[in-house]
Amino acid sequence: MPFAFSSFVVWRRSPAPGGPAPAPNGAALRVLLAEDDPVASEAVVGEVARAFPRSIVERVTSRESFERALRSLQFDVIRVDHALGEMDIPSALSLVQDTLPAAPLIVLARSLDEESVVGGLRAGAEDFILVGNLGRLRDIVDKALSVRRPLRKLSPRQLDVLRLIAAGHTTPGIATRLDRSPKTIETHRSEIMKRLGIHDVVGLVRYAMRVGLLPPEAQMP
């Protein structure tokens, strides 16, 4: 059942993990806006323009066009209306993690209820903002991007290994799943720790949970 929220927002400043360094605070962002309500669209566009001048906004009005845009273009910011093809938080996160794993997802809501907030956070959402309090966006976006900046240092294979480590798989198990030798997986793990500045598996799991890389089914009930 879809969550009763008005929209999702995913923010990113670099094209892909390992891409260019992030722009300074307040720099232009490329925005994908999935929203069929023109009033809500205008409010978000206005706040993005105020907080991040020179930003480029492209609007889509269906889940299908949202998926197509996600997979074909590089966006820094993605906003999705909750009613677009029953786009709930887990399905939106799944699409984003497949294409923009370093991007945080922020939920804009017309109203909040405890069950939906808890479910959204467990699914990997970064934060929740009421549509009447869009002034918080700048601070939340900057914080979210800062936390996820190290992810850009990881290759796609290293991201796969990190997800599997966080989900509780052993080195031999990961090697089997990825069709690699255990020694190769150990090398990946060491490099992941080096690039993230984390020195133990517990720290890797905590970080993966923090940035939404741990699948909900792998999390504690």
Protein backbone atom coordinates (compact mmCIF):
# COMPACT_ATOMS: atom_id res chain seq x y z
CA MET A 1 0.00 0.00 0.00
CA PRO A 2 1.46 3.41 -0.95
CA PHE A 3 2.57 5.74 1.82
CA ALA A 4 0.37 8.83 2.27
CA PHE A 5 3.00 11.32 1.23
CA SER A 6 2.97 13.96 -1.45
CA SER A 7 6.39 13.34 -2.94
CA PHE A 8 9.88 11.92 -2.78
CA VAL A 9 13.07 13.88 -3.39
CA VAL A 10 16.47 12.46 -4.26
CA TRP A 11 19.42 14.83 -4.26
CA ARG A 12 22.79 14.32 -5.87
CA ARG A 13 25.49 16.61 -7.13
CA SER A 14 27.77 14.21 -9.00
CA PRO A 15 26.85 12.09 -12.06
CA ALA A 16 27.88 8.75 -10.59
CA PRO A 17 30.01 7.08 -7.91
CA GLY A 18 33.60 7.94 -8.72
CA GLY A 19 32.48 11.02 -10.69
CA PRO A 20 33.50 14.65 -10.27
CA ALA A 21 33.78 16.22 -6.86
CA PRO A 22 30.62 17.86 -5.53
CA ALA A 23 29.97 21.52 -6.24
CA PRO A 24 30.16 24.00 -3.36
CA ASN A 25 27.06 24.63 -1.26
CA GLY A 26 24.45 26.60 -3.18
CA ALA A 27 25.70 25.46 -6.60
CA ALA A 28 23.33 24.62 -9.43
CA LEU A 29 21.55 21.27 -9.32
CA ARG A 30 19.87 19.30 -12.08
CA VAL A 31 16.34 18.46 -10.95
CA LEU A 32 13.91 15.80 -12.14
CA LEU A 33 10.47 16.81 -10.90
CA ALA A 34 7.77 14.12 -11.07
CA GLU A 35 4.61 15.94 -10.05
CA ASP A 36 1.16 16.39 -11.60
CA ASP A 37 0.10 19.16 -9.22
CA PRO A 38 1.17 22.53 -10.70
CA VAL A 39 0.83 24.34 -7.35
CA ALA A 40 3.10 21.86 -5.55
CA SER A 41 5.52 21.97 -8.48
CA GLU A 42 5.75 25.75 -8.33
CA ALA A 43 6.46 25.68 -4.59
CA VAL A 44 9.28 23.16 -4.91
CA VAL A 45 10.79 24.85 -7.96
CA GLY A 46 10.76 28.18 -6.12
CA GLU A 47 12.51 26.76 -3.05
CA VAL A 48 15.12 24.93 -5.16
CA ALA A 49 15.81 28.13 -7.10
CA ARG A 50 16.21 30.08 -3.86
CA ALA A 51 18.49 27.54 -2.16
CA PHE A 52 20.40 26.39 -5.25
CA PRO A 53 20.52 29.16 -7.87
CA ARG A 54 20.82 28.30 -11.58
CA SER A 55 19.28 24.88 -11.01
CA ILE A 56 17.72 23.14 -14.02
CA VAL A 57 14.30 21.55 -13.50
CA GLU A 58 12.72 18.97 -15.81
CA ARG A 59 9.19 17.79 -14.97
CA VAL A 60 7.58 14.39 -15.66
CA THR A 61 4.03 13.34 -14.77
CA SER A 62 4.01 9.53 -14.65
CA ARG A 63 5.91 6.66 -13.10
CA GLU A 64 6.86 5.40 -16.56
CA SER A 65 8.43 8.69 -17.61
CA PHE A 66 10.13 8.92 -14.21
CA GLU A 67 11.77 5.50 -14.65
CA ARG A 68 12.79 6.35 -18.20
CA ALA A 69 14.37 9.63 -17.13
CA LEU A 70 16.18 7.98 -14.21
CA ARG A 71 17.82 5.45 -16.47
CA SER A 72 18.71 7.76 -19.35
CA LEU A 73 19.73 11.09 -17.78
CA GLN A 74 21.90 12.27 -14.92
CA PHE A 75 19.98 14.25 -12.31
CA ASP A 76 21.04 15.82 -9.04
CA VAL A 77 17.57 16.14 -7.55
CA ILE A 78 14.55 13.88 -8.05
CA ARG A 79 11.08 14.58 -6.69
CA VAL A 80 8.27 12.06 -7.12
CA ASP A 81 4.58 12.50 -6.32
CA HIS A 82 3.37 9.56 -4.21
CA ALA A 83 0.32 9.00 -6.45
CA LEU A 84 2.27 8.41 -9.66
CA GLY A 85 1.59 4.75 -10.42
CA GLU A 86 1.50 3.79 -6.73
CA MET A 87 5.08 4.93 -6.30
CA ASP A 88 5.64 4.18 -2.64
CA ILE A 89 8.84 4.74 -0.71
CA PRO A 90 10.34 1.22 -1.07
CA SER A 91 9.72 1.07 -4.83
CA ALA A 92 11.13 4.57 -5.33
CA LEU A 93 14.20 3.65 -3.29
CA SER A 94 14.69 0.47 -5.27
CA LEU A 95 14.73 2.40 -8.53
CA VAL A 96 17.08 5.02 -7.13
CA GLN A 97 19.47 2.47 -5.65
CA ASP A 98 19.65 0.72 -9.02
CA THR A 99 20.62 3.92 -10.83
CA LEU A 100 21.88 6.55 -8.33
CA PRO A 101 23.11 4.67 -5.24
CA ALA A 102 24.84 7.73 -3.79
CA ALA A 103 21.65 9.79 -3.85
CA PRO A 104 19.64 10.40 -0.65
CA LEU A 105 15.85 10.21 -0.79
CA ILE A 106 13.91 12.89 1.08
CA VAL A 107 10.14 12.64 1.46
CA LEU A 108 7.95 15.73 1.19
CA ALA A 109 4.66 15.17 2.97
CA ARG A 110 1.33 16.95 3.26
CA SER A 111 0.86 15.18 6.59
CA LEU A 112 2.80 12.64 8.66
CA ASP A 113 1.86 9.55 10.63
CA GLU A 114 4.20 7.56 12.83
CA GLU A 115 3.78 4.22 11.04
CA SER A 116 4.59 5.67 7.62
CA VAL A 117 7.56 7.64 8.91
CA VAL A 118 9.08 4.59 10.63
CA GLY A 119 8.47 2.44 7.55
CA GLY A 120 10.00 5.03 5.27
CA LEU A 121 13.10 5.46 7.40
CA ARG A 122 13.58 1.69 7.62
CA ALA A 123 13.28 1.50 3.84
CA GLY A 124 16.16 3.98 3.59
CA ALA A 125 14.58 7.43 3.29
CA GLU A 126 16.87 10.21 4.49
CA ASP A 127 14.33 12.54 6.05
CA PHE A 128 10.77 13.89 5.94
CA ILE A 129 9.67 17.48 5.33
CA LEU A 130 6.17 18.89 5.46
CA VAL A 131 5.29 20.82 2.31
CA GLY A 132 4.59 23.83 4.51
CA ASN A 133 8.17 23.82 5.78
CA LEU A 134 10.23 23.76 2.59
CA GLY A 135 12.72 26.18 4.09
CA ARG A 136 14.40 23.17 5.75
CA LEU A 137 15.39 21.70 2.40
CA ARG A 138 18.75 23.44 2.09
CA ASP A 139 20.12 22.23 5.42
CA ILE A 140 18.79 18.70 4.97
CA VAL A 141 20.16 18.42 1.44
CA ASP A 142 23.62 19.65 2.41
CA LYS A 143 23.79 17.24 5.35
CA ALA A 144 22.56 14.28 3.27
CA LEU A 145 25.05 14.96 0.48
CA SER A 146 27.90 15.28 2.97
CA VAL A 147 27.10 11.89 4.55
CA ARG A 148 26.98 10.21 1.14
CA ARG A 149 29.99 11.91 -0.42
CA PRO A 150 32.33 8.93 0.31
CA LEU A 151 30.06 6.62 -1.73
CA ARG A 152 31.28 8.32 -4.91
CA LYS A 153 34.69 6.77 -4.24
CA LEU A 154 33.29 3.23 -4.61
CA SER A 155 33.04 1.30 -7.86
CA PRO A 156 29.77 -0.49 -8.77
CA ARG A 157 31.34 -3.81 -7.70
CA GLN A 158 32.43 -2.36 -4.38
CA LEU A 159 28.89 -1.10 -3.80
CA ASP A 160 27.61 -4.63 -4.43
CA VAL A 161 30.08 -6.03 -1.91
CA LEU A 162 29.14 -3.37 0.65
CA ARG A 163 25.43 -4.20 0.30
CA LEU A 164 26.10 -7.90 0.79
CA ILE A 165 28.38 -7.32 3.79
CA ALA A 166 25.70 -5.14 5.36
CA ALA A 167 23.06 -7.80 4.68
CA GLY A 168 25.11 -10.27 6.75
CA HIS A 169 26.71 -12.43 4.07
CA THR A 170 30.10 -14.00 4.73
CA THR A 171 33.13 -13.57 2.50
CA PRO A 172 32.71 -17.07 0.94
CA GLY A 173 29.00 -16.37 0.47
CA ILE A 174 29.66 -13.07 -1.26
CA ALA A 175 32.29 -14.72 -3.44
CA THR A 176 29.77 -17.33 -4.55
CA ARG A 177 27.06 -14.77 -5.25
CA LEU A 178 29.37 -12.54 -7.31
CA ASP A 179 31.30 -15.41 -8.91
CA ARG A 180 34.61 -14.17 -7.55
CA SER A 181 37.28 -15.70 -5.33
CA PRO A 182 37.18 -15.11 -1.56
CA LYS A 183 40.54 -13.36 -1.86
CA THR A 184 39.06 -10.91 -4.37
CA ILE A 185 36.18 -10.17 -2.00
CA GLU A 186 38.63 -9.60 0.86
CA THR A 187 40.53 -7.16 -1.35
CA HIS A 188 37.28 -5.33 -2.16
CA ARG A 189 36.39 -5.17 1.52
CA SER A 190 39.77 -3.71 2.45
CA GLU A 191 39.50 -1.12 -0.30
CA ILE A 192 35.94 -0.20 0.73
CA MET A 193 37.11 0.39 4.31
CA LYS A 194 39.99 2.49 3.06
CA ARG A 195 37.83 4.63 0.76
CA LEU A 196 35.10 5.14 3.36
CA GLY A 197 37.49 5.66 6.25
CA ILE A 198 35.79 2.84 8.21
CA HIS A 199 37.91 0.21 9.92
CA ASP A 200 35.60 -2.67 10.83
CA VAL A 201 32.59 -4.59 9.54
CA VAL A 202 30.30 -3.19 12.23
CA GLY A 203 31.11 0.29 10.98
CA LEU A 204 30.39 -0.73 7.40
CA VAL A 205 26.99 -2.10 8.38
CA ARG A 206 26.11 1.06 10.31
CA TYR A 207 27.14 3.25 7.38
CA ALA A 208 25.22 1.14 4.86
CA MET A 209 22.11 1.43 7.02
CA ARG A 210 22.63 5.18 7.38
CA VAL A 211 22.73 5.77 3.62
CA GLY A 212 19.94 3.34 2.77
CA LEU A 213 22.03 0.59 1.17
CA LEU A 214 20.76 -2.14 3.48
CA PRO A 215 17.59 -3.79 2.09
CA PRO A 216 14.60 -3.56 4.47
CA GLU A 217 14.31 -7.36 4.62
CA ALA A 218 17.89 -7.51 5.95
CA GLN A 219 17.20 -5.07 8.77
CA MET A 220 16.19 -6.01 12.28
CA PRO A 221 12.44 -6.08 12.90
